[in-house]
Structures are given as C-alpha cells and as structure tokens.
Amino acid sequence: MNTLRKGIVLLTALGMAGCGGAAEVSPAETPAPTASAETTPVPSVTEETAAEPTQEEIIEAVYQSGKESTVCIFTPGGNNGTGFVFEEQYVITNDHVLYDTEDFTMIGAQGQEYKGTIICSDSGNDIAVILADGMHAKSVTIADSAVSAGDTVICIGNPADGQPFSHCTGTVLELNEEMQEIFDKDRRFILSDAPITSGYSGGPVFNREGELIGISNAAFAGDLSAYDFDHLSLIIPIGRVREQIENTVSSGS
C-alpha cells in the first residue's frame, strides 16, 4: 500500500386454489338481489401492484450483475487490485495497480484466469488499459446520466484483508472536487463515503441502475477534520477518462 501525503492511500494491497364442481340451481331457486345487498369487489391481477424493491435488494442485484464484469488483479509483489471489462476483452484499472510490472494475473467472477498485455499506461490520469488474452466477458454499461450529490454508489473490489469480489456502498458527497494540492496536478474526483479499502483500486463504481459512473482510486486515512467525514473515498469520474479509453481500445494500442 502506498500512502500519499495528507493521508491519501492508494487502494492496492502491497449483490391455486383448486377448482370444484358447482351444484346446479334453477332460475326459480335463484333469489333476486335486493336494493340493500352489498357486493364486495374482487381485485383482478392487473390491479395488483408489485412491491418496490428495497435498497438492499437493489444493491445486491447491482453487485451480482456488476461482478460478472469485474476482475481481481494480482501481481508477484503481493499487490491486490481490481479492474473491469470494457468491450468484452479489455480491462480497465488504475495505473498504480500494476506498479510498472507486466507480470500479473486476472481472475474473473467464475474463477476464470487471464493474462494480458498493457496497451495504455497513463500515470497522469492513473488509468491503464489491458488487452486480456482469450477473454470474452460481459462489458460494463457506462452511465449517460449525470451523477448528483446524494446518489448511492456501489463499489466492487478485491480487498487485501477480505474476500475477493467484495462490495461496499456509500453516498456521493461532492462532485468535480479538485485535489491538486495533494496530487500536484489538476485531477478532479467524485468524493464518496463508501468505505473502499486496499485492493479496491481500479474497481468499478456503479449507480443504482447498475451503470458505471467511475473508478475507485484512493481513500483518505488519518485526519478528516477538513471534510467532517469518517471516511472519504476518491472516485475517478468515468466521463473524465472515457474518451481516452475508447480511443485506446479502438486503435488497439
């Protein structure tokens, strides 16, 4: 794990009734309805309203779908990281996950193991694009709608001290937050209170609709008094790097 100044931690690790017969009744035996008789309406199936899913059910559904587009990344140095599938055979992760190594292994949600070739390594934006050997996996769906403060986020990761393909949730706190004083460069983030930890780096961050809105990047550790939050995670907005990723994938290099 690398610790950046002011407590930033890069996030690698160093979800009938039965039918019966009816008796015949002649018309003479059928009593005529009276004015005072009341009839209780029987609701039809079309009038029934399906129960709205709970927040927990929504999060679990997003997690179960999202992990099929997620890979856990392992390097010889024991560093954990995470990536997600883009265009079936490409994996996107953080550049710092790979630490200048080309020897890494990716594991899919069903236990598939992949090797790959890094075709883009951008330390400035902290993203890397990998062409995975033999992979034809489910790609993420990128959100077209804007992210707003208060939105729920679901992060999938590969924590060093936990179970691979774990997930955590949080709320968007700030948008387009500048961190130049920390990173010595103009980089802007979505800030969230999702408790991402070491190993979540490069992992996908989804909204409630299961659409990708960003990439887990780092977390604050230490004094958070300036923000008044117990935990603060930094998410790279997918809109900031989408064009670069698409251009890299389309050119294949």
Protein backbone atom coordinates (compact mmCIF):
# COMPACT_ATOMS: atom_id res chain seq x y z
CA MET A 1 0.00 0.00 0.00
CA ASN A 2 1.27 3.45 -0.85
CA THR A 3 0.43 6.34 1.39
CA LEU A 4 0.26 9.73 -0.28
CA ARG A 5 0.73 12.88 1.71
CA LYS A 6 -2.15 14.27 3.71
CA GLY A 7 -3.33 10.76 4.39
CA ILE A 8 -4.30 9.63 0.87
CA VAL A 9 -3.95 5.87 0.48
CA LEU A 10 -3.80 4.31 -2.97
CA LEU A 11 -6.04 1.31 -2.90
CA THR A 12 -3.85 -1.58 -3.87
CA ALA A 13 -2.66 -4.06 -1.28
CA LEU A 14 1.19 -4.23 -1.01
CA GLY A 15 -25.33 -8.23 -4.83
CA MET A 16 -54.18 -22.44 -6.61
CA ALA A 17 -56.62 -22.65 -5.47
CA GLY A 18 -58.27 -25.90 -6.70
CA CYS A 19 -61.45 -25.90 -8.77
CA GLY A 20 -64.51 -27.81 -7.62
CA GLY A 21 -67.84 -28.59 -9.25
CA ALA A 22 -70.82 -26.31 -8.51
CA ALA A 23 -74.43 -27.53 -7.79
CA GLU A 24 -76.99 -26.61 -10.45
CA VAL A 25 -79.56 -24.00 -9.42
CA SER A 26 -82.75 -23.45 -11.41
CA PRO A 27 -83.80 -19.89 -12.20
CA ALA A 28 -86.78 -20.23 -9.83
CA GLU A 29 -84.46 -21.09 -6.98
CA THR A 30 -82.16 -18.10 -7.55
CA PRO A 31 -83.03 -15.31 -5.09
CA ALA A 32 -83.46 -11.88 -6.65
CA PRO A 33 -80.97 -9.27 -5.42
CA THR A 34 -82.35 -6.64 -3.06
CA ALA A 35 -81.51 -2.96 -3.06
CA SER A 36 -79.74 -3.30 0.25
CA ALA A 37 -77.46 -6.10 -0.90
CA GLU A 38 -73.80 -5.07 -0.99
CA THR A 39 -71.22 -6.54 -3.33
CA THR A 40 -67.53 -6.66 -2.40
CA PRO A 41 -65.36 -6.13 -5.50
CA VAL A 42 -62.67 -8.71 -6.12
CA PRO A 43 -59.42 -7.13 -7.32
CA SER A 44 -58.10 -8.53 -10.56
CA VAL A 45 -54.46 -9.48 -11.09
CA THR A 46 -53.96 -6.37 -13.20
CA GLU A 47 -54.90 -4.18 -10.25
CA GLU A 48 -52.21 -5.64 -8.05
CA THR A 49 -49.05 -3.58 -7.72
CA ALA A 50 -45.72 -5.34 -7.43
CA ALA A 51 -43.78 -4.44 -4.30
CA GLU A 52 -40.96 -1.95 -4.84
CA PRO A 53 -37.51 -3.49 -4.26
CA THR A 54 -35.74 -2.45 -1.12
CA GLN A 55 -32.42 -0.60 -1.12
CA GLU A 56 -30.70 -3.81 -0.03
CA GLU A 57 -32.25 -5.76 -2.92
CA ILE A 58 -31.20 -3.11 -5.43
CA ILE A 59 -27.62 -3.10 -4.13
CA GLU A 60 -27.44 -6.91 -4.20
CA ALA A 61 -28.76 -7.01 -7.78
CA VAL A 62 -26.22 -4.42 -8.91
CA TYR A 63 -23.43 -6.32 -7.19
CA GLN A 64 -24.40 -9.70 -8.68
CA SER A 65 -24.58 -8.21 -12.17
CA GLY A 66 -21.53 -5.97 -11.80
CA LYS A 67 -19.15 -8.63 -10.55
CA GLU A 68 -19.58 -10.50 -13.87
CA SER A 69 -17.80 -7.52 -15.46
CA THR A 70 -15.15 -7.33 -12.73
CA VAL A 71 -11.74 -8.98 -12.40
CA CYS A 72 -9.45 -9.27 -9.41
CA ILE A 73 -5.82 -8.44 -10.23
CA PHE A 74 -2.78 -9.97 -8.52
CA THR A 75 0.90 -9.14 -9.05
CA PRO A 76 4.03 -11.06 -7.96
CA GLY A 77 4.71 -8.49 -5.25
CA GLY A 78 1.51 -9.45 -3.46
CA ASN A 79 -0.39 -6.36 -4.50
CA ASN A 80 -4.14 -6.70 -4.93
CA GLY A 81 -6.13 -4.56 -7.31
CA THR A 82 -9.33 -4.62 -9.31
CA GLY A 83 -10.39 -3.97 -12.89
CA PHE A 84 -13.50 -4.04 -15.04
CA VAL A 85 -14.28 -5.33 -18.51
CA PHE A 86 -14.67 -2.86 -21.36
CA GLU A 87 -15.66 -4.08 -24.85
CA GLU A 88 -15.53 -7.79 -23.87
CA GLN A 89 -11.75 -8.26 -24.00
CA TYR A 90 -10.25 -5.12 -22.50
CA VAL A 91 -9.75 -4.48 -18.80
CA ILE A 92 -9.51 -1.02 -17.25
CA THR A 93 -7.73 -0.48 -13.95
CA ASN A 94 -5.58 2.09 -12.15
CA ASP A 95 -2.06 2.55 -13.44
CA HIS A 96 -0.68 2.30 -9.90
CA VAL A 97 -2.17 -1.20 -9.51
CA LEU A 98 0.44 -2.61 -11.87
CA TYR A 99 3.47 -0.79 -10.42
CA ASP A 100 5.39 -0.93 -13.71
CA THR A 101 5.11 -4.71 -13.86
CA GLU A 102 3.85 -6.65 -16.84
CA ASP A 103 3.58 -9.88 -14.86
CA PHE A 104 0.08 -10.02 -13.41
CA THR A 105 -2.90 -12.36 -13.24
CA MET A 106 -6.59 -11.50 -13.55
CA ILE A 107 -9.33 -13.68 -12.05
CA GLY A 108 -12.96 -13.47 -13.21
CA ALA A 109 -16.06 -13.92 -11.05
CA GLN A 110 -16.42 -17.56 -12.12
CA GLY A 111 -12.78 -18.34 -11.41
CA GLN A 112 -11.51 -17.80 -14.96
CA GLU A 113 -7.83 -16.90 -15.06
CA TYR A 114 -6.43 -14.49 -17.63
CA LYS A 115 -3.12 -12.99 -18.61
CA GLY A 116 -2.91 -9.81 -20.62
CA THR A 117 -0.87 -7.09 -22.27
CA ILE A 118 -0.86 -3.48 -21.11
CA ILE A 119 -1.63 -1.29 -24.12
CA CYS A 120 -2.03 2.00 -22.25
CA SER A 121 -0.30 3.16 -19.11
CA ASP A 122 -1.16 6.72 -18.04
CA SER A 123 0.21 7.71 -14.65
CA GLY A 124 -1.15 11.25 -15.01
CA ASN A 125 -4.77 10.10 -15.05
CA ASP A 126 -3.87 6.90 -13.16
CA ILE A 127 -5.52 4.54 -15.64
CA ALA A 128 -4.25 1.52 -17.53
CA VAL A 129 -5.86 -0.45 -20.36
CA ILE A 130 -5.15 -4.18 -20.67
CA LEU A 131 -5.87 -6.46 -23.62
CA ALA A 132 -6.82 -9.73 -21.93
CA ASP A 133 -5.78 -12.98 -23.60
CA GLY A 134 -8.79 -15.12 -24.55
CA MET A 135 -11.32 -13.02 -22.68
CA HIS A 136 -14.86 -12.56 -23.97
CA ALA A 137 -16.65 -11.33 -20.89
CA LYS A 138 -19.65 -9.17 -20.08
CA SER A 139 -18.82 -5.49 -20.52
CA VAL A 140 -19.91 -2.75 -18.17
CA THR A 141 -22.65 -0.33 -19.21
CA ILE A 142 -21.49 3.25 -18.87
CA ALA A 143 -23.95 5.73 -17.40
CA ASP A 144 -25.14 8.51 -19.67
CA SER A 145 -26.95 10.42 -16.94
CA ALA A 146 -25.13 12.86 -14.69
CA VAL A 147 -24.04 11.99 -11.17
CA SER A 148 -25.54 14.07 -8.37
CA ALA A 149 -24.65 14.64 -4.73
CA GLY A 150 -26.64 12.22 -2.60
CA ASP A 151 -26.62 9.42 -5.19
CA THR A 152 -25.92 5.88 -3.99
CA VAL A 153 -22.73 4.24 -5.26
CA ILE A 154 -21.86 0.53 -5.24
CA CYS A 155 -18.14 -0.32 -5.41
CA ILE A 156 -16.73 -3.77 -6.20
CA GLY A 157 -13.20 -4.64 -5.17
CA ASN A 158 -10.56 -7.15 -4.16
CA PRO A 159 -9.58 -6.17 -0.60
CA ALA A 160 -6.27 -7.43 0.70
CA ASP A 161 -7.74 -8.41 4.05
CA GLY A 162 -11.07 -9.76 2.81
CA GLN A 163 -12.93 -11.81 0.25
CA PRO A 164 -12.27 -11.16 -3.46
CA PHE A 165 -15.30 -9.68 -5.22
CA SER A 166 -16.42 -7.85 -2.12
CA HIS A 167 -18.60 -4.78 -2.38
CA CYS A 168 -19.40 -1.71 -0.36
CA THR A 169 -21.82 1.16 -0.73
CA GLY A 170 -21.87 4.84 0.02
CA THR A 171 -23.20 8.22 -0.98
CA VAL A 172 -21.82 10.84 -3.34
CA LEU A 173 -20.66 13.78 -1.22
CA GLU A 174 -19.03 16.14 -3.71
CA LEU A 175 -18.59 16.36 -7.47
CA ASN A 176 -15.66 17.60 -9.53
CA GLU A 177 -13.53 18.01 -6.42
CA GLU A 178 -10.07 19.30 -7.16
CA MET A 179 -7.16 17.55 -5.42
CA GLN A 180 -4.27 19.48 -6.91
CA GLU A 181 -2.78 20.24 -3.51
CA ILE A 182 -2.47 16.51 -2.86
CA PHE A 183 -1.54 15.14 -6.28
CA ASP A 184 0.46 18.15 -7.55
CA LYS A 185 -1.60 18.07 -10.74
CA ASP A 186 -5.08 19.05 -11.86
CA ARG A 187 -7.12 15.94 -11.09
CA ARG A 188 -10.78 16.07 -10.14
CA PHE A 189 -12.77 13.40 -8.35
CA ILE A 190 -16.15 12.31 -7.13
CA LEU A 191 -15.95 12.19 -3.34
CA SER A 192 -17.89 9.48 -1.53
CA ASP A 193 -18.16 7.98 1.93
CA ALA A 194 -18.08 4.42 0.54
CA PRO A 195 -15.59 2.52 2.76
CA ILE A 196 -13.29 1.31 0.00
CA THR A 197 -10.02 -0.19 1.24
CA SER A 198 -6.74 -1.52 -0.12
CA GLY A 199 -7.41 -3.66 -3.18
CA TYR A 200 -10.39 -1.68 -4.49
CA SER A 201 -8.12 0.42 -6.73
CA GLY A 202 -9.19 0.27 -10.37
CA GLY A 203 -12.52 -1.33 -9.50
CA PRO A 204 -15.88 -0.31 -10.97
CA VAL A 205 -18.26 2.06 -9.21
CA PHE A 206 -21.92 1.68 -10.18
CA ASN A 207 -25.11 3.65 -9.63
CA ARG A 208 -28.44 2.09 -8.55
CA GLU A 209 -29.23 1.26 -12.17
CA GLY A 210 -26.09 -0.86 -12.45
CA GLU A 211 -24.35 1.64 -14.73
CA LEU A 212 -20.68 2.53 -14.38
CA ILE A 213 -20.11 6.05 -13.08
CA GLY A 214 -16.46 5.89 -12.05
CA ILE A 215 -13.31 4.04 -11.00
CA SER A 216 -12.21 3.56 -7.37
CA ASN A 217 -8.87 5.31 -6.94
CA ALA A 218 -7.84 6.19 -3.39
CA ALA A 219 -9.05 6.85 0.14
CA PHE A 220 -8.28 9.28 2.91
CA ALA A 221 -6.63 7.92 6.01
CA GLY A 222 -5.97 9.98 9.11
CA ASP A 223 -7.30 13.44 9.93
CA LEU A 224 -10.52 14.16 8.01
CA SER A 225 -11.49 17.22 10.03
CA ALA A 226 -11.37 19.44 6.94
CA TYR A 227 -14.18 17.35 5.44
CA ASP A 228 -16.02 16.31 8.61
CA PHE A 229 -16.48 12.71 7.39
CA ASP A 230 -15.40 9.42 8.96
CA HIS A 231 -14.22 8.06 5.63
CA LEU A 232 -13.55 9.66 2.28
CA SER A 233 -13.01 7.78 -0.97
CA LEU A 234 -11.90 9.23 -4.28
CA ILE A 235 -13.57 8.06 -7.48
CA ILE A 236 -12.31 8.93 -10.96
CA PRO A 237 -15.38 10.05 -12.95
CA ILE A 238 -15.71 7.80 -15.99
CA GLY A 239 -16.60 10.85 -18.09
CA ARG A 240 -13.13 12.28 -17.49
CA VAL A 241 -11.30 9.29 -18.99
CA ARG A 242 -13.93 7.69 -21.23
CA GLU A 243 -12.72 9.25 -24.47
CA GLN A 244 -9.14 8.23 -23.77
CA ILE A 245 -10.20 4.66 -23.02
CA GLU A 246 -12.39 4.43 -26.14
CA ASN A 247 -9.64 5.82 -28.36
CA THR A 248 -7.14 3.34 -26.94
CA VAL A 249 -9.48 0.40 -27.43
CA SER A 250 -10.49 1.43 -30.96
CA SER A 251 -6.86 1.74 -32.03
CA GLY A 252 -5.77 -1.35 -30.11
CA SER A 253 -2.69 0.42 -28.84
